[in-house]
Protein backbone atom coordinates (compact mmCIF):
# COMPACT_ATOMS: atom_id res chain seq x y z
CA MET A 1 -9.10 -38.37 14.73
CA ASP A 2 -9.66 -34.74 15.69
CA THR A 3 -12.00 -32.98 13.27
CA GLN A 4 -13.34 -29.50 13.55
CA THR A 5 -17.04 -28.84 13.13
CA PRO A 6 -17.59 -26.37 10.27
CA THR A 7 -18.89 -23.02 11.48
CA PRO A 8 -19.51 -19.85 9.48
CA GLU A 9 -16.32 -18.30 10.94
CA ASN A 10 -14.21 -21.39 10.06
CA LEU A 11 -15.58 -21.41 6.55
CA ALA A 12 -14.90 -17.70 6.14
CA LEU A 13 -11.27 -18.19 7.18
CA SER A 14 -10.52 -20.95 4.71
CA PRO A 15 -9.92 -19.91 1.12
CA MET A 16 -12.66 -22.12 -0.31
CA PRO A 17 -13.10 -22.23 -4.05
CA ALA A 18 -15.13 -19.24 -5.13
CA THR A 19 -15.75 -17.32 -8.29
CA THR A 20 -12.81 -15.07 -9.09
CA LEU A 21 -14.14 -11.59 -9.73
CA PHE A 22 -10.85 -9.80 -10.36
CA GLU A 23 -7.25 -10.87 -10.49
CA TRP A 24 -4.18 -8.82 -11.30
CA THR A 25 -0.56 -8.12 -10.46
CA ALA A 26 0.62 -4.54 -10.04
CA PRO A 27 3.25 -2.51 -8.22
CA ILE A 28 2.45 -1.22 -4.76
CA ARG A 29 3.66 2.27 -5.69
CA ILE A 30 4.49 4.34 -8.75
CA ALA A 31 8.06 4.24 -10.05
CA TYR A 32 8.89 7.92 -10.49
CA LYS A 33 11.30 9.10 -13.14
CA ARG A 34 13.75 11.35 -11.36
CA THR A 35 15.80 13.82 -13.34
CA ARG A 36 19.32 15.00 -12.65
CA TYR A 37 17.75 18.21 -11.30
CA TRP A 38 15.80 16.20 -8.68
CA TYR A 39 18.97 14.48 -7.49
CA ILE A 40 20.83 17.82 -7.24
CA ILE A 41 18.03 19.39 -5.15
CA VAL A 42 17.83 16.34 -2.86
CA ALA A 43 21.61 16.24 -2.42
CA ILE A 44 21.66 19.94 -1.48
CA LEU A 45 18.77 19.52 1.01
CA PHE A 46 20.29 16.40 2.58
CA SER A 47 23.69 18.11 2.85
CA LEU A 48 22.17 21.19 4.50
CA ILE A 49 20.26 19.07 7.03
CA ALA A 50 23.34 16.97 7.79
CA LEU A 51 25.54 20.09 8.17
CA TYR A 52 22.98 21.72 10.46
CA SER A 53 22.80 18.64 12.66
CA VAL A 54 26.61 18.57 12.94
CA TRP A 55 26.77 22.34 13.57
CA THR A 56 24.22 22.07 16.41
CA GLU A 57 26.06 19.00 17.71
CA SER A 58 22.92 16.85 17.50
CA TRP A 59 24.87 13.64 17.07
CA THR A 60 21.94 11.30 17.55
CA PHE A 61 19.93 13.18 14.93
CA THR A 62 22.94 13.13 12.58
CA ILE A 63 23.29 9.36 12.88
CA VAL A 64 19.54 8.72 12.51
CA PHE A 65 19.33 11.07 9.50
CA ILE A 66 22.25 9.44 7.71
CA LEU A 67 20.88 5.94 8.42
CA ALA A 68 17.43 7.01 7.14
CA CYS A 69 19.00 8.32 3.93
CA ILE A 70 20.92 5.09 3.42
CA ALA A 71 17.78 3.01 4.11
CA TYR A 72 15.70 5.10 1.69
CA PHE A 73 18.13 4.80 -1.19
CA ALA A 74 18.75 1.10 -0.49
CA THR A 75 15.01 0.32 -0.65
CA HIS A 76 14.35 2.49 -3.71
CA ARG A 77 17.23 1.31 -5.92
CA GLY A 78 15.14 -0.97 -8.08
CA PRO A 79 11.60 -0.89 -9.39
CA PRO A 80 8.73 -1.14 -6.89
CA LEU A 81 7.68 -4.61 -5.77
CA GLU A 82 4.82 -6.17 -7.66
CA LYS A 83 2.08 -7.82 -5.63
CA SER A 84 -0.76 -10.03 -6.75
CA ILE A 85 -4.37 -9.73 -5.67
CA VAL A 86 -7.35 -11.99 -6.28
CA ILE A 87 -10.82 -10.78 -5.37
CA THR A 88 -13.50 -13.45 -4.92
CA GLU A 89 -16.97 -13.68 -3.43
CA ASN A 90 -15.50 -15.01 -0.12
CA GLY A 91 -12.68 -12.49 0.33
CA LEU A 92 -9.42 -11.50 -1.22
CA THR A 93 -5.99 -13.01 -1.51
CA PHE A 94 -3.22 -10.42 -1.36
CA ASN A 95 0.26 -11.72 -2.01
CA ARG A 96 -0.84 -15.28 -1.12
CA GLU A 97 -2.56 -14.27 2.14
CA PHE A 98 -6.30 -14.90 2.24
CA VAL A 99 -8.39 -12.21 3.96
CA PRO A 100 -12.11 -12.98 4.35
CA TRP A 101 -14.58 -10.13 3.92
CA SER A 102 -15.49 -10.50 7.61
CA ARG A 103 -12.02 -9.14 8.45
CA VAL A 104 -12.28 -6.14 6.11
CA ALA A 105 -13.70 -2.81 7.28
CA GLY A 106 -14.06 -1.28 3.83
CA PHE A 107 -12.32 0.16 0.79
CA TRP A 108 -11.74 3.31 -1.19
CA ILE A 109 -10.13 4.09 -4.52
CA LEU A 110 -7.86 7.10 -4.91
CA ARG A 111 -7.71 8.73 -8.31
CA HIS A 112 -4.46 10.38 -9.31
CA ALA A 113 -3.51 12.04 -12.58
CA THR A 114 -1.80 8.94 -13.96
CA HIS A 115 -3.17 6.01 -11.95
CA PHE A 116 -5.72 4.66 -9.48
CA GLU A 117 -4.92 3.12 -6.07
CA LEU A 118 -7.10 0.58 -4.31
CA HIS A 119 -7.03 0.88 -0.51
CA ILE A 120 -8.57 -1.92 1.55
CA GLU A 121 -8.80 -1.26 5.28
CA ARG A 122 -8.65 -4.22 7.63
CA LYS A 123 -10.78 -4.36 10.76
CA LYS A 124 -8.96 -3.36 13.90
CA PRO A 125 -7.12 -4.57 15.91
CA THR A 126 -4.50 -5.93 13.55
CA TRP A 127 -0.76 -5.59 13.33
CA LYS A 128 -0.92 -5.74 9.56
CA GLY A 129 -1.50 -2.52 7.71
CA ASP A 130 -4.05 -1.71 5.11
CA ILE A 131 -3.75 -3.24 1.65
CA VAL A 132 -2.70 -0.73 -1.00
CA ILE A 133 -2.15 -1.66 -4.64
CA LEU A 134 -2.36 0.10 -7.98
CA THR A 135 -5.30 -1.03 -10.09
CA GLY A 136 -3.10 -1.59 -13.13
CA GLN A 137 -5.13 -2.54 -16.21
CA ILE A 138 -8.29 -3.25 -14.17
CA ASP A 139 -11.15 -0.82 -14.81
CA PRO A 140 -11.38 1.07 -11.48
CA PHE A 141 -15.05 1.94 -11.99
CA GLU A 142 -16.06 -1.70 -12.56
CA LEU A 143 -13.88 -2.72 -9.59
CA ARG A 144 -15.60 -0.13 -7.40
CA GLU A 145 -19.09 -1.31 -8.36
CA THR A 146 -18.19 -4.93 -7.64
CA LEU A 147 -16.55 -4.19 -4.28
CA ARG A 148 -19.53 -2.07 -3.20
CA GLU A 149 -21.66 -5.21 -3.35
CA LEU A 150 -19.25 -7.06 -1.03
CA ILE A 151 -17.92 -4.51 1.48
CA THR A 152 -18.44 -0.93 2.62
CA GLU A 153 -17.06 1.89 0.50
CA PHE A 154 -15.48 4.74 2.43
CA ASP A 155 -16.26 7.68 0.16
CA ASP A 156 -14.94 10.17 2.73
CA ARG A 157 -11.33 8.89 2.68
CA TYR A 158 -8.57 10.81 1.01
CA GLU A 159 -4.85 10.57 0.62
CA ASN A 160 -3.13 11.26 3.94
CA ILE A 161 -0.72 14.17 4.20
CA LEU A 162 2.40 12.01 4.37
CA ASP A 163 1.45 10.10 1.21
CA ALA A 164 0.72 13.41 -0.56
CA ILE A 165 4.17 14.74 0.38
CA ILE A 166 5.81 11.52 -0.81
CA ARG A 167 3.92 11.74 -4.13
CA ILE A 168 4.63 15.44 -4.69
CA CYS A 169 8.33 15.12 -3.82
CA LYS A 170 8.60 11.90 -5.84
CA LEU A 171 10.04 10.06 -2.90
């Protein structure tokens, strides 16, 4: 029978029973309420861009732009997906995937006018992106203090420009 000798790395990779510090389910993004005015402005802008691309005979751009519009509206038809997160002493489980603290570079919490976002950065190299989830009903200040004891807090991180544009334009 082939058994593996327990090592600190093996133990860190297995989701062993640990004290649950926080557990919640929340959407990964805010569901914006868009008015009729928003849809009119977006329709005008999209039409102008599409007409310009046809006028300049940029057929590849026209096709890519139209496909991007279709993909955007197809993925944003319903409410945002809800994900679950469990934070323990050994690591975190995000949407049923265990990530030990040894594979996490750090975290930061973004404060917006109506909500807080928890960002957890994975150590590189990884093909998976950072973990981003709204804090929901969890006290973000208590969450911050607890996470600071487990992993590094990046207090110099801010919202990137693309995320700011998406938030401002309610995309």
